[in-house]
């Protein structure tokens, strides 16, 4: 499990543009399911990408378990990301897609099959190991993307609007699956969405963002009953 700290983090993509992230100071506790919610362009995905190492802060530092990871490349962080697009290899079957991450890490071949099998069982896709992505539904492809992200047991799982491409019924079912998976793995989940219902039903805590600022980071019931600002209440 891993704790994440942002210390005075700012992100500006260009001198002519306003700050995408404006002086963020937050702590995401070990093992919690933290959801960032807000309208498009508020900076929530940028926040996620700075944890992943895909973006560098313009100012400030990012810490993981009291280690400064601000300048570490993505492959040296025990962090995996699930994106909105599943990005599965179309020419590989499900098992091979999941095993790919382990092969990159040069995991012993004798261990790969067991870890892939365990990951498939966690996402309830054991019967689809030999299928190719084009033989799967959108929800099944998302499950494979999740299995690929968790197979190497990262300390932090980042999820960037992973359910937005699914229909409503499937999205609701996958919310429950993600909560179940979080409880089973016990690792830190950081989730980005623009859906308020998704944020309130899935999270341990919710961060409401607007124009690059985190207006409130609280438990869902506190956020709902005692919003810190008029914007948080209306959102």
C-alpha atoms as a PDB file:
ATOM      1  CA  UNK A   1       0.000   0.000   0.000  1.00  0.00           C
ATOM      2  CA  UNK A   2       1.158   3.520  -0.718  1.00  0.00           C
ATOM      3  CA  UNK A   3       0.477   7.037   0.497  1.00  0.00           C
ATOM      4  CA  UNK A   4       0.636   9.883  -2.045  1.00  0.00           C
ATOM      5  CA  UNK A   5       1.476  13.481  -1.142  1.00  0.00           C
ATOM      6  CA  UNK A   6       1.302  16.599  -3.304  1.00  0.00           C
ATOM      7  CA  UNK A   7       3.287  19.540  -1.924  1.00  0.00           C
ATOM      8  CA  UNK A   8       2.603  22.942  -3.509  1.00  0.00           C
ATOM      9  CA  UNK A   9       2.142  21.345  -6.926  1.00  0.00           C
ATOM     10  CA  UNK A  10       1.435  23.597  -9.897  1.00  0.00           C
ATOM     11  CA  UNK A  11       1.178  22.677 -13.568  1.00  0.00           C
ATOM     12  CA  UNK A  12       1.250  25.160 -16.437  1.00  0.00           C
ATOM     13  CA  UNK A  13       1.438  23.916 -20.017  1.00  0.00           C
ATOM     14  CA  UNK A  14       2.278  27.306 -21.479  1.00  0.00           C
ATOM     15  CA  UNK A  15       3.151  30.781 -20.106  1.00  0.00           C
ATOM     16  CA  UNK A  16       0.141  32.205 -21.978  1.00  0.00           C
ATOM     17  CA  UNK A  17      -2.304  29.747 -20.386  1.00  0.00           C
ATOM     18  CA  UNK A  18      -3.729  29.720 -16.847  1.00  0.00           C
ATOM     19  CA  UNK A  19      -2.509  27.135 -14.356  1.00  0.00           C
ATOM     20  CA  UNK A  20      -3.936  23.672 -15.019  1.00  0.00           C
ATOM     21  CA  UNK A  21      -3.132  22.716 -11.413  1.00  0.00           C
ATOM     22  CA  UNK A  22      -3.011  25.572  -8.927  1.00  0.00           C
ATOM     23  CA  UNK A  23      -0.972  24.945  -5.757  1.00  0.00           C
ATOM     24  CA  UNK A  24      -2.262  21.483  -4.862  1.00  0.00           C
ATOM     25  CA  UNK A  25      -1.536  20.237  -1.337  1.00  0.00           C
ATOM     26  CA  UNK A  26      -3.204  16.875  -0.769  1.00  0.00           C
ATOM     27  CA  UNK A  27      -2.626  13.513   0.838  1.00  0.00           C
ATOM     28  CA  UNK A  28      -4.124  10.278  -0.465  1.00  0.00           C
ATOM     29  CA  UNK A  29      -3.930   7.743   2.323  1.00  0.00           C
ATOM     30  CA  UNK A  30      -2.567   4.226   2.015  1.00  0.00           C
ATOM     31  CA  UNK A  31      -5.086   1.757   0.672  1.00  0.00           C
ATOM     32  CA  UNK A  32      -7.914   4.235   0.141  1.00  0.00           C
ATOM     33  CA  UNK A  33     -10.171   4.622  -2.898  1.00  0.00           C
ATOM     34  CA  UNK A  34      -9.853   8.321  -3.748  1.00  0.00           C
ATOM     35  CA  UNK A  35     -11.939   9.803  -6.570  1.00  0.00           C
ATOM     36  CA  UNK A  36     -11.232  13.089  -8.353  1.00  0.00           C
ATOM     37  CA  UNK A  37     -14.377  14.596  -9.832  1.00  0.00           C
ATOM     38  CA  UNK A  38     -15.039  17.769 -11.782  1.00  0.00           C
ATOM     39  CA  UNK A  39     -15.980  19.166 -15.190  1.00  0.00           C
ATOM     40  CA  UNK A  40     -13.831  18.709 -18.279  1.00  0.00           C
ATOM     41  CA  UNK A  41     -10.641  20.770 -18.148  1.00  0.00           C
ATOM     42  CA  UNK A  42     -10.573  21.157 -14.349  1.00  0.00           C
ATOM     43  CA  UNK A  43      -7.194  19.361 -14.024  1.00  0.00           C
ATOM     44  CA  UNK A  44      -8.225  15.977 -12.653  1.00  0.00           C
ATOM     45  CA  UNK A  45      -6.573  13.888 -15.400  1.00  0.00           C
ATOM     46  CA  UNK A  46      -3.445  16.039 -15.192  1.00  0.00           C
ATOM     47  CA  UNK A  47      -3.281  15.272 -11.466  1.00  0.00           C
ATOM     48  CA  UNK A  48      -3.484  11.562 -12.236  1.00  0.00           C
ATOM     49  CA  UNK A  49      -0.805  11.808 -14.932  1.00  0.00           C
ATOM     50  CA  UNK A  50       1.600  13.532 -12.517  1.00  0.00           C
ATOM     51  CA  UNK A  51       1.244  10.597 -10.104  1.00  0.00           C
ATOM     52  CA  UNK A  52       1.944   8.239 -13.005  1.00  0.00           C
ATOM     53  CA  UNK A  53       4.972  10.239 -14.142  1.00  0.00           C
ATOM     54  CA  UNK A  54       3.423  11.024 -17.529  1.00  0.00           C
ATOM     55  CA  UNK A  55       3.455  14.747 -16.693  1.00  0.00           C
ATOM     56  CA  UNK A  56       5.975  16.771 -14.679  1.00  0.00           C
ATOM     57  CA  UNK A  57       4.889  19.477 -12.224  1.00  0.00           C
ATOM     58  CA  UNK A  58       5.925  23.000 -13.140  1.00  0.00           C
ATOM     59  CA  UNK A  59       6.394  23.627  -9.412  1.00  0.00           C
ATOM     60  CA  UNK A  60       6.184  21.569  -6.236  1.00  0.00           C
ATOM     61  CA  UNK A  61       6.905  17.919  -5.432  1.00  0.00           C
ATOM     62  CA  UNK A  62       5.085  14.593  -5.573  1.00  0.00           C
ATOM     63  CA  UNK A  63       5.838  11.973  -2.910  1.00  0.00           C
ATOM     64  CA  UNK A  64       5.051   8.259  -2.725  1.00  0.00           C
ATOM     65  CA  UNK A  65       5.565   6.606   0.668  1.00  0.00           C
ATOM     66  CA  UNK A  66       7.789   9.503   1.781  1.00  0.00           C
ATOM     67  CA  UNK A  67       9.997   9.113  -1.314  1.00  0.00           C
ATOM     68  CA  UNK A  68      10.215  12.057  -3.714  1.00  0.00           C
ATOM     69  CA  UNK A  69       9.148  10.616  -7.100  1.00  0.00           C
ATOM     70  CA  UNK A  70       8.771  13.950  -8.906  1.00  0.00           C
ATOM     71  CA  UNK A  71      11.659  13.263 -11.276  1.00  0.00           C
ATOM     72  CA  UNK A  72      11.329   9.466 -11.496  1.00  0.00           C
ATOM     73  CA  UNK A  73      10.326   8.062 -14.923  1.00  0.00           C
ATOM     74  CA  UNK A  74       7.023   6.123 -15.063  1.00  0.00           C
ATOM     75  CA  UNK A  75       8.642   2.674 -15.259  1.00  0.00           C
ATOM     76  CA  UNK A  76      10.449   3.253 -11.959  1.00  0.00           C
ATOM     77  CA  UNK A  77       7.241   3.962 -10.025  1.00  0.00           C
ATOM     78  CA  UNK A  78       5.151   1.114  -8.607  1.00  0.00           C
ATOM     79  CA  UNK A  79       2.121   2.626 -10.302  1.00  0.00           C
ATOM     80  CA  UNK A  80      -0.098   1.339 -13.136  1.00  0.00           C
ATOM     81  CA  UNK A  81      -2.761   3.186 -15.105  1.00  0.00           C
ATOM     82  CA  UNK A  82      -6.036   2.089 -16.699  1.00  0.00           C
ATOM     83  CA  UNK A  83      -7.188   4.526 -19.383  1.00  0.00           C
ATOM     84  CA  UNK A  84     -10.541   5.152 -21.029  1.00  0.00           C
ATOM     85  CA  UNK A  85      -9.246   3.420 -24.165  1.00  0.00           C
ATOM     86  CA  UNK A  86      -8.412  -0.187 -23.346  1.00  0.00           C
ATOM     87  CA  UNK A  87      -5.280  -0.269 -25.564  1.00  0.00           C
ATOM     88  CA  UNK A  88      -5.257  -4.066 -25.848  1.00  0.00           C
ATOM     89  CA  UNK A  89      -3.057  -5.716 -28.453  1.00  0.00           C
ATOM     90  CA  UNK A  90      -5.489  -7.004 -31.127  1.00  0.00           C
ATOM     91  CA  UNK A  91      -3.153  -9.804 -32.323  1.00  0.00           C
ATOM     92  CA  UNK A  92      -2.697 -11.293 -28.823  1.00  0.00           C
ATOM     93  CA  UNK A  93      -5.231 -13.306 -26.872  1.00  0.00           C
ATOM     94  CA  UNK A  94      -6.403 -12.267 -23.413  1.00  0.00           C
ATOM     95  CA  UNK A  95      -3.786 -14.265 -21.500  1.00  0.00           C
ATOM     96  CA  UNK A  96      -0.964 -12.939 -23.684  1.00  0.00           C
ATOM     97  CA  UNK A  97      -2.185  -9.356 -23.266  1.00  0.00           C
ATOM     98  CA  UNK A  98      -2.033  -9.728 -19.492  1.00  0.00           C
ATOM     99  CA  UNK A  99       1.309 -11.555 -19.545  1.00  0.00           C
ATOM    100  CA  UNK A 100       2.917  -8.801 -21.632  1.00  0.00           C
ATOM    101  CA  UNK A 101       3.412  -6.545 -18.590  1.00  0.00           C
ATOM    102  CA  UNK A 102       5.160  -9.360 -16.730  1.00  0.00           C
ATOM    103  CA  UNK A 103       7.441 -10.147 -19.661  1.00  0.00           C
ATOM    104  CA  UNK A 104       8.515  -6.510 -19.790  1.00  0.00           C
ATOM    105  CA  UNK A 105       9.482  -6.803 -16.129  1.00  0.00           C
ATOM    106  CA  UNK A 106      11.390 -10.023 -16.937  1.00  0.00           C
ATOM    107  CA  UNK A 107       9.365 -12.088 -14.494  1.00  0.00           C
ATOM    108  CA  UNK A 108      10.398 -15.748 -14.453  1.00  0.00           C
ATOM    109  CA  UNK A 109       8.381 -17.749 -16.986  1.00  0.00           C
ATOM    110  CA  UNK A 110       7.391 -20.308 -14.383  1.00  0.00           C
ATOM    111  CA  UNK A 111       5.617 -17.564 -12.408  1.00  0.00           C
ATOM    112  CA  UNK A 112       3.890 -15.793 -15.301  1.00  0.00           C
ATOM    113  CA  UNK A 113       1.185 -18.422 -15.884  1.00  0.00           C
ATOM    114  CA  UNK A 114       0.208 -18.441 -12.207  1.00  0.00           C
ATOM    115  CA  UNK A 115       0.059 -14.646 -11.975  1.00  0.00           C
ATOM    116  CA  UNK A 116      -1.976 -14.373 -15.188  1.00  0.00           C
ATOM    117  CA  UNK A 117      -4.382 -17.037 -13.946  1.00  0.00           C
ATOM    118  CA  UNK A 118      -4.810 -15.199 -10.643  1.00  0.00           C
ATOM    119  CA  UNK A 119      -5.435 -11.871 -12.386  1.00  0.00           C
ATOM    120  CA  UNK A 120      -8.036 -13.462 -14.688  1.00  0.00           C
ATOM    121  CA  UNK A 121      -9.808 -14.959 -11.694  1.00  0.00           C
ATOM    122  CA  UNK A 122      -9.882 -11.583  -9.933  1.00  0.00           C
ATOM    123  CA  UNK A 123     -11.701  -9.943 -12.855  1.00  0.00           C
ATOM    124  CA  UNK A 124     -13.851 -13.020 -13.527  1.00  0.00           C
ATOM    125  CA  UNK A 125     -12.435 -13.627 -17.016  1.00  0.00           C
ATOM    126  CA  UNK A 126     -10.882 -17.088 -16.564  1.00  0.00           C
ATOM    127  CA  UNK A 127     -13.031 -18.623 -19.310  1.00  0.00           C
ATOM    128  CA  UNK A 128     -11.867 -16.035 -21.863  1.00  0.00           C
ATOM    129  CA  UNK A 129      -8.090 -16.553 -21.680  1.00  0.00           C
ATOM    130  CA  UNK A 130      -7.878 -17.770 -25.297  1.00  0.00           C
ATOM    131  CA  UNK A 131     -10.161 -15.108 -26.786  1.00  0.00           C
ATOM    132  CA  UNK A 132      -8.833 -12.154 -28.765  1.00  0.00           C
ATOM    133  CA  UNK A 133      -9.984  -8.598 -27.938  1.00  0.00           C
ATOM    134  CA  UNK A 134     -12.291  -8.414 -30.970  1.00  0.00           C
ATOM    135  CA  UNK A 135     -14.235 -11.391 -29.572  1.00  0.00           C
ATOM    136  CA  UNK A 136     -14.986  -9.501 -26.339  1.00  0.00           C
ATOM    137  CA  UNK A 137     -17.581  -6.925 -25.375  1.00  0.00           C
ATOM    138  CA  UNK A 138     -16.561  -3.479 -24.139  1.00  0.00           C
ATOM    139  CA  UNK A 139     -17.048  -4.500 -20.533  1.00  0.00           C
ATOM    140  CA  UNK A 140     -14.976  -7.653 -21.005  1.00  0.00           C
ATOM    141  CA  UNK A 141     -12.180  -5.647 -22.654  1.00  0.00           C
ATOM    142  CA  UNK A 142     -12.197  -3.287 -19.679  1.00  0.00           C
ATOM    143  CA  UNK A 143     -11.823  -6.246 -17.342  1.00  0.00           C
ATOM    144  CA  UNK A 144      -8.799  -7.445 -19.333  1.00  0.00           C
ATOM    145  CA  UNK A 145      -7.275  -3.963 -19.137  1.00  0.00           C
ATOM    146  CA  UNK A 146      -7.769  -4.073 -15.361  1.00  0.00           C
ATOM    147  CA  UNK A 147      -6.190  -7.528 -15.133  1.00  0.00           C
ATOM    148  CA  UNK A 148      -3.176  -6.309 -17.086  1.00  0.00           C
ATOM    149  CA  UNK A 149      -2.804  -3.352 -14.714  1.00  0.00           C
ATOM    150  CA  UNK A 150      -3.017  -5.402 -11.509  1.00  0.00           C
ATOM    151  CA  UNK A 151      -1.110  -8.529 -12.579  1.00  0.00           C
ATOM    152  CA  UNK A 152       2.238  -7.089 -11.424  1.00  0.00           C
ATOM    153  CA  UNK A 153       0.690  -5.964  -8.124  1.00  0.00           C
ATOM    154  CA  UNK A 154       1.443  -2.223  -8.226  1.00  0.00           C
ATOM    155  CA  UNK A 155       1.293  -0.165  -5.049  1.00  0.00           C
ATOM    156  CA  UNK A 156      -1.068   2.316  -6.717  1.00  0.00           C
ATOM    157  CA  UNK A 157      -3.705   1.792  -9.422  1.00  0.00           C
ATOM    158  CA  UNK A 158      -4.700   4.901 -11.371  1.00  0.00           C
ATOM    159  CA  UNK A 159      -7.979   4.860 -13.307  1.00  0.00           C
ATOM    160  CA  UNK A 160      -8.696   7.648 -15.814  1.00  0.00           C
ATOM    161  CA  UNK A 161     -12.444   7.575 -16.611  1.00  0.00           C
ATOM    162  CA  UNK A 162     -12.250   3.828 -17.317  1.00  0.00           C
ATOM    163  CA  UNK A 163     -16.020   3.297 -17.495  1.00  0.00           C
ATOM    164  CA  UNK A 164     -17.075   6.279 -19.620  1.00  0.00           C
ATOM    165  CA  UNK A 165     -17.232   4.248 -22.861  1.00  0.00           C
ATOM    166  CA  UNK A 166     -19.656   1.693 -21.381  1.00  0.00           C
ATOM    167  CA  UNK A 167     -23.448   1.820 -21.358  1.00  0.00           C
ATOM    168  CA  UNK A 168     -25.239   2.747 -18.121  1.00  0.00           C
ATOM    169  CA  UNK A 169     -26.152  -0.759 -16.973  1.00  0.00           C
ATOM    170  CA  UNK A 170     -22.660  -2.111 -17.584  1.00  0.00           C
ATOM    171  CA  UNK A 171     -21.101   0.956 -15.981  1.00  0.00           C
ATOM    172  CA  UNK A 172     -23.118   0.364 -12.812  1.00  0.00           C
ATOM    173  CA  UNK A 173     -22.078  -3.299 -12.723  1.00  0.00           C
ATOM    174  CA  UNK A 174     -18.408  -2.386 -13.211  1.00  0.00           C
ATOM    175  CA  UNK A 175     -18.572   0.082 -10.313  1.00  0.00           C
ATOM    176  CA  UNK A 176     -19.386  -2.824  -8.015  1.00  0.00           C
ATOM    177  CA  UNK A 177     -16.611  -4.905  -9.576  1.00  0.00           C
ATOM    178  CA  UNK A 178     -14.053  -2.161  -8.980  1.00  0.00           C
ATOM    179  CA  UNK A 179     -15.090  -1.797  -5.346  1.00  0.00           C
ATOM    180  CA  UNK A 180     -14.816  -5.552  -4.893  1.00  0.00           C
ATOM    181  CA  UNK A 181     -11.403  -5.560  -6.550  1.00  0.00           C
ATOM    182  CA  UNK A 182     -10.186  -2.704  -4.356  1.00  0.00           C
ATOM    183  CA  UNK A 183     -11.270  -4.499  -1.199  1.00  0.00           C
ATOM    184  CA  UNK A 184      -9.555  -7.694  -2.321  1.00  0.00           C
ATOM    185  CA  UNK A 185      -6.268  -6.089  -3.379  1.00  0.00           C
ATOM    186  CA  UNK A 186      -6.046  -3.547  -0.560  1.00  0.00           C
ATOM    187  CA  UNK A 187      -3.931  -1.176  -2.660  1.00  0.00           C
ATOM    188  CA  UNK A 188      -4.404   2.554  -3.223  1.00  0.00           C
ATOM    189  CA  UNK A 189      -6.898   3.411  -5.994  1.00  0.00           C
ATOM    190  CA  UNK A 190      -6.966   6.895  -7.539  1.00  0.00           C
ATOM    191  CA  UNK A 191      -9.934   7.332  -9.863  1.00  0.00           C
ATOM    192  CA  UNK A 192     -10.884  10.191 -12.198  1.00  0.00           C
ATOM    193  CA  UNK A 193     -14.453  10.825 -13.350  1.00  0.00           C
ATOM    194  CA  UNK A 194     -16.866  13.621 -14.265  1.00  0.00           C
ATOM    195  CA  UNK A 195     -19.802  11.570 -12.921  1.00  0.00           C
ATOM    196  CA  UNK A 196     -20.921  12.724  -9.464  1.00  0.00           C
ATOM    197  CA  UNK A 197     -22.884   9.531  -8.777  1.00  0.00           C
ATOM    198  CA  UNK A 198     -19.853   7.424  -9.615  1.00  0.00           C
ATOM    199  CA  UNK A 199     -17.702   9.497  -7.280  1.00  0.00           C
ATOM    200  CA  UNK A 200     -20.099   9.336  -4.335  1.00  0.00           C
ATOM    201  CA  UNK A 201     -20.871   5.609  -4.570  1.00  0.00           C
ATOM    202  CA  UNK A 202     -17.360   4.239  -5.160  1.00  0.00           C
ATOM    203  CA  UNK A 203     -15.004   6.314  -3.054  1.00  0.00           C
ATOM    204  CA  UNK A 204     -13.611   6.450   0.451  1.00  0.00           C
ATOM    205  CA  UNK A 205     -12.975  10.146  -0.198  1.00  0.00           C
ATOM    206  CA  UNK A 206     -13.813  12.522  -3.049  1.00  0.00           C
ATOM    207  CA  UNK A 207     -11.786  15.488  -4.307  1.00  0.00           C
ATOM    208  CA  UNK A 208     -13.927  18.092  -6.083  1.00  0.00           C
ATOM    209  CA  UNK A 209     -11.899  20.109  -8.603  1.00  0.00           C
ATOM    210  CA  UNK A 210     -12.641  23.343 -10.425  1.00  0.00           C
ATOM    211  CA  UNK A 211     -10.308  25.431 -12.597  1.00  0.00           C
ATOM    212  CA  UNK A 212      -7.190  23.660 -11.349  1.00  0.00           C
ATOM    213  CA  UNK A 213      -8.022  23.866  -7.653  1.00  0.00           C
ATOM    214  CA  UNK A 214      -9.103  21.157  -5.241  1.00  0.00           C
ATOM    215  CA  UNK A 215     -12.045  22.811  -3.512  1.00  0.00           C
ATOM    216  CA  UNK A 216     -12.779  20.018  -1.054  1.00  0.00           C
ATOM    217  CA  UNK A 217     -11.394  16.550  -0.283  1.00  0.00           C
ATOM    218  CA  UNK A 218     -13.687  14.641   2.039  1.00  0.00           C
ATOM    219  CA  UNK A 219     -15.744  11.543   2.662  1.00  0.00           C
ATOM    220  CA  UNK A 220     -18.805  11.362   0.358  1.00  0.00           C
ATOM    221  CA  UNK A 221     -21.299  11.928   3.189  1.00  0.00           C
ATOM    222  CA  UNK A 222     -19.389  14.978   4.456  1.00  0.00           C
ATOM    223  CA  UNK A 223     -19.123  16.374   0.942  1.00  0.00           C
ATOM    224  CA  UNK A 224     -22.851  15.930   0.405  1.00  0.00           C
ATOM    225  CA  UNK A 225     -24.056  17.184   3.794  1.00  0.00           C
ATOM    226  CA  UNK A 226     -21.448  19.880   4.495  1.00  0.00           C
ATOM    227  CA  UNK A 227     -20.052  21.251   1.215  1.00  0.00           C
ATOM    228  CA  UNK A 228     -17.240  23.729   1.766  1.00  0.00           C
ATOM    229  CA  UNK A 229     -18.264  26.147  -1.000  1.00  0.00           C
ATOM    230  CA  UNK A 230     -21.312  27.092  -3.025  1.00  0.00           C
ATOM    231  CA  UNK A 231     -19.697  25.565  -6.114  1.00  0.00           C
ATOM    232  CA  UNK A 232     -19.200  22.196  -4.379  1.00  0.00           C
ATOM    233  CA  UNK A 233     -22.835  22.231  -3.263  1.00  0.00           C
ATOM    234  CA  UNK A 234     -24.171  23.036  -6.733  1.00  0.00           C
ATOM    235  CA  UNK A 235     -21.874  20.531  -8.445  1.00  0.00           C
END
